[in-house]
């Protein structure tokens, strides 16, 4: 079941870009959509759509956490994201 993942976390746009560089251009397995916004004050918000919560969790453990640790070893742990099953998904 597809899920939407909504998360706020501490990062500047520069740190966000550095993590993305570490992740590379390869789309993670199970990822459908990713969008991020700069909230200002060193806060970011992301909204993702994944094929399943398991795909998201595997990405976080296997790729995202190691990339964040390379960029900022002292980065605070992000709060648990909001994960909801998608009722309706329409793509343009």
Protein backbone atom coordinates (compact mmCIF):
# COMPACT_ATOMS: atom_id res chain seq x y z
CA UNK A 1 0.00 0.00 0.00
CA UNK A 2 1.41 3.40 -0.99
CA UNK A 3 2.11 5.85 1.82
CA UNK A 4 2.70 9.56 2.23
CA UNK A 5 5.53 10.53 4.57
CA UNK A 6 5.56 14.04 6.06
CA UNK A 7 8.51 15.15 8.13
CA UNK A 8 10.02 18.30 9.59
CA UNK A 9 13.71 18.28 10.46
CA UNK A 10 16.60 20.56 11.37
CA UNK A 11 18.73 21.42 8.34
CA UNK A 12 19.69 24.39 6.24
CA UNK A 13 19.15 24.28 2.47
CA UNK A 14 22.94 23.97 2.14
CA UNK A 15 23.04 20.91 4.41
CA UNK A 16 20.05 19.44 2.55
CA UNK A 17 21.90 19.88 -0.76
CA UNK A 18 25.06 18.28 0.66
CA UNK A 19 23.09 15.22 1.81
CA UNK A 20 21.49 14.97 -1.65
CA UNK A 21 24.96 15.01 -3.21
CA UNK A 22 25.94 12.06 -1.00
CA UNK A 23 22.76 10.20 -1.98
CA UNK A 24 23.48 10.62 -5.69
CA UNK A 25 21.09 10.72 -8.63
CA UNK A 26 19.74 7.18 -8.30
CA UNK A 27 16.08 7.18 -7.31
CA UNK A 28 15.61 5.04 -4.21
CA UNK A 29 13.73 1.78 -4.68
CA UNK A 30 10.05 2.36 -3.95
CA UNK A 31 10.18 6.15 -4.12
CA UNK A 32 7.37 7.76 -6.12
CA UNK A 33 7.62 11.46 -5.26
CA UNK A 34 9.75 13.78 -3.12
CA UNK A 35 9.27 17.47 -2.34
CA UNK A 36 11.07 19.63 0.22
CA UNK A 37 10.54 23.17 1.51
CA UNK A 38 12.77 25.52 3.46
CA UNK A 39 10.80 26.67 6.51
CA UNK A 40 13.52 29.12 7.53
CA UNK A 41 15.47 29.20 10.74
CA UNK A 42 17.33 25.99 9.94
CA UNK A 43 14.16 23.92 9.50
CA UNK A 44 13.03 21.95 6.46
CA UNK A 45 9.89 19.97 5.65
CA UNK A 46 9.60 17.09 3.22
CA UNK A 47 6.64 15.29 1.72
CA UNK A 48 7.28 11.93 0.09
CA UNK A 49 5.20 9.25 -1.55
CA UNK A 50 6.53 5.70 -1.32
CA UNK A 51 5.25 2.36 -2.57
CA UNK A 52 5.26 1.19 1.06
CA UNK A 53 6.39 2.23 4.54
CA UNK A 54 8.98 -0.55 4.35
CA UNK A 55 10.58 1.02 1.27
CA UNK A 56 10.82 4.33 3.12
CA UNK A 57 12.28 2.76 6.26
CA UNK A 58 14.86 0.79 4.25
CA UNK A 59 15.95 3.99 2.48
CA UNK A 60 16.30 5.84 5.78
CA UNK A 61 18.38 3.10 7.42
CA UNK A 62 20.51 2.09 4.43
CA UNK A 63 21.13 5.40 2.69
CA UNK A 64 19.78 8.53 4.39
CA UNK A 65 21.19 8.12 7.91
CA UNK A 66 24.71 7.32 6.60
CA UNK A 67 24.59 10.33 4.23
CA UNK A 68 23.47 12.68 7.01
CA UNK A 69 26.22 11.35 9.29
CA UNK A 70 28.85 12.13 6.63
CA UNK A 71 27.60 15.70 6.17
CA UNK A 72 26.91 16.52 9.82
CA UNK A 73 27.95 13.89 12.40
CA UNK A 74 26.33 16.03 15.14
CA UNK A 75 22.96 16.37 13.38
CA UNK A 76 20.06 15.96 15.79
CA UNK A 77 17.86 12.94 15.23
CA UNK A 78 14.75 13.91 13.29
CA UNK A 79 11.41 13.35 14.99
CA UNK A 80 9.35 10.41 13.79
CA UNK A 81 7.68 11.26 10.49
CA UNK A 82 3.95 11.14 9.95
CA UNK A 83 3.23 8.11 7.75
CA UNK A 84 -0.26 7.58 6.33
CA UNK A 85 -1.68 5.13 3.81
CA UNK A 86 -2.74 6.91 0.65
CA UNK A 87 -6.43 6.82 -0.10
CA UNK A 88 -6.21 8.50 -3.52
CA UNK A 89 -3.17 9.32 -5.65
CA UNK A 90 -3.46 11.09 -8.97
CA UNK A 91 -0.48 11.93 -11.12
CA UNK A 92 -0.55 14.63 -13.78
